[in-house]
Amino acid sequence: MEIKDAAKREMERMKEIFDNIEIINNKNADEFYSFAENYFEDGKYFFEKGKYIEAFEAFIISWAYIDAGVKLDFFKVDKKIRKYFTS
């Protein structure tokens, strides 16, 4: 698989995650969400610039923040996207 395809797949996965996540109201959840969202936005920027490795990395870091937040009960995720998480 080409890195461009991998980056695009991760971008689409993260969009689906952000569309189906609920923040549990606490300070740490907001921080984790903000970090994840910023990395996601960075990834989209890199993707648009043709920097697919950087985009892929940013999407993975974004996912890691959400995944950790799910484990820490900072986020509630829809059952249809639970498959994306390690918890």
Protein backbone atom coordinates (compact mmCIF):
# COMPACT_ATOMS: atom_id res chain seq x y z
CA MET A 1 0.00 0.00 0.00
CA GLU A 2 1.30 3.44 -0.85
CA ILE A 3 1.81 5.94 1.94
CA LYS A 4 -0.69 8.31 0.30
CA ASP A 5 -3.37 5.61 0.48
CA ALA A 6 -2.47 4.78 4.08
CA ALA A 7 -2.64 8.45 5.07
CA LYS A 8 -5.99 8.88 3.33
CA ARG A 9 -7.37 5.79 5.09
CA GLU A 10 -6.26 7.14 8.48
CA MET A 11 -7.71 10.57 7.71
CA GLU A 12 -11.08 9.00 6.89
CA ARG A 13 -10.95 6.84 10.01
CA MET A 14 -10.21 9.86 12.20
CA LYS A 15 -13.03 11.85 10.62
CA GLU A 16 -15.41 9.01 11.48
CA ILE A 17 -14.06 8.90 15.03
CA PHE A 18 -14.47 12.65 15.54
CA ASP A 19 -18.01 12.42 14.18
CA ASN A 20 -18.89 9.70 16.71
CA ILE A 21 -17.21 10.72 19.95
CA GLU A 22 -18.58 12.41 23.02
CA ILE A 23 -16.40 14.26 25.49
CA ILE A 24 -17.04 13.41 29.13
CA ASN A 25 -17.00 16.72 30.92
CA ASN A 26 -13.67 17.15 32.70
CA LYS A 27 -10.51 19.19 32.16
CA ASN A 28 -8.34 16.27 31.08
CA ALA A 29 -10.87 15.15 28.48
CA ASP A 30 -10.87 18.62 26.95
CA GLU A 31 -7.06 18.65 26.80
CA PHE A 32 -6.84 15.20 25.24
CA TYR A 33 -9.52 16.12 22.71
CA SER A 34 -7.74 19.37 21.85
CA PHE A 35 -4.43 17.57 21.30
CA ALA A 36 -6.13 14.96 19.11
CA GLU A 37 -8.01 17.58 17.13
CA ASN A 38 -4.87 19.67 16.56
CA TYR A 39 -2.92 16.65 15.29
CA PHE A 40 -5.86 15.77 13.03
CA GLU A 41 -5.88 19.30 11.57
CA ASP A 42 -2.10 19.15 11.11
CA GLY A 43 -2.51 15.83 9.32
CA LYS A 44 -5.05 17.31 6.91
CA TYR A 45 -2.69 20.22 6.22
CA PHE A 46 0.22 17.87 5.51
CA PHE A 47 -2.00 15.71 3.31
CA GLU A 48 -3.05 18.72 1.23
CA LYS A 49 0.63 19.67 0.83
CA GLY A 50 1.52 16.17 -0.39
CA LYS A 51 3.51 15.36 2.74
CA TYR A 52 1.94 11.96 3.21
CA ILE A 53 4.38 10.53 5.75
CA GLU A 54 3.89 13.54 8.02
CA ALA A 55 0.13 13.35 7.50
CA PHE A 56 0.06 9.66 8.38
CA GLU A 57 2.11 10.28 11.52
CA ALA A 58 -0.14 13.15 12.62
CA PHE A 59 -3.28 11.04 12.14
CA ILE A 60 -1.78 8.20 14.17
CA ILE A 61 -0.83 10.57 17.00
CA SER A 62 -4.36 11.99 16.91
CA TRP A 63 -5.76 8.46 17.19
CA ALA A 64 -3.39 7.68 20.08
CA TYR A 65 -4.74 10.58 22.12
CA ILE A 66 -8.31 9.47 21.52
CA ASP A 67 -7.45 5.84 22.26
CA ALA A 68 -5.79 6.79 25.55
CA GLY A 69 -8.75 9.03 26.38
CA VAL A 70 -11.17 6.17 25.78
CA LYS A 71 -9.17 3.98 28.16
CA LEU A 72 -9.21 6.73 30.78
CA ASP A 73 -12.97 7.22 30.37
CA PHE A 74 -12.50 10.74 29.01
CA PHE A 75 -14.55 9.90 25.92
CA LYS A 76 -17.62 7.92 25.09
CA VAL A 77 -17.58 6.39 21.62
CA ASP A 78 -20.37 4.96 19.55
CA LYS A 79 -20.40 1.16 19.38
CA LYS A 80 -19.90 1.23 15.61
CA ILE A 81 -16.39 2.68 16.02
CA ARG A 82 -15.28 0.66 19.08
CA LYS A 83 -13.36 -1.58 16.69
CA TYR A 84 -10.84 1.23 16.19
CA PHE A 85 -9.68 1.20 19.81
CA THR A 86 -7.48 -1.07 21.87
CA SER A 87 -9.72 -0.97 24.92
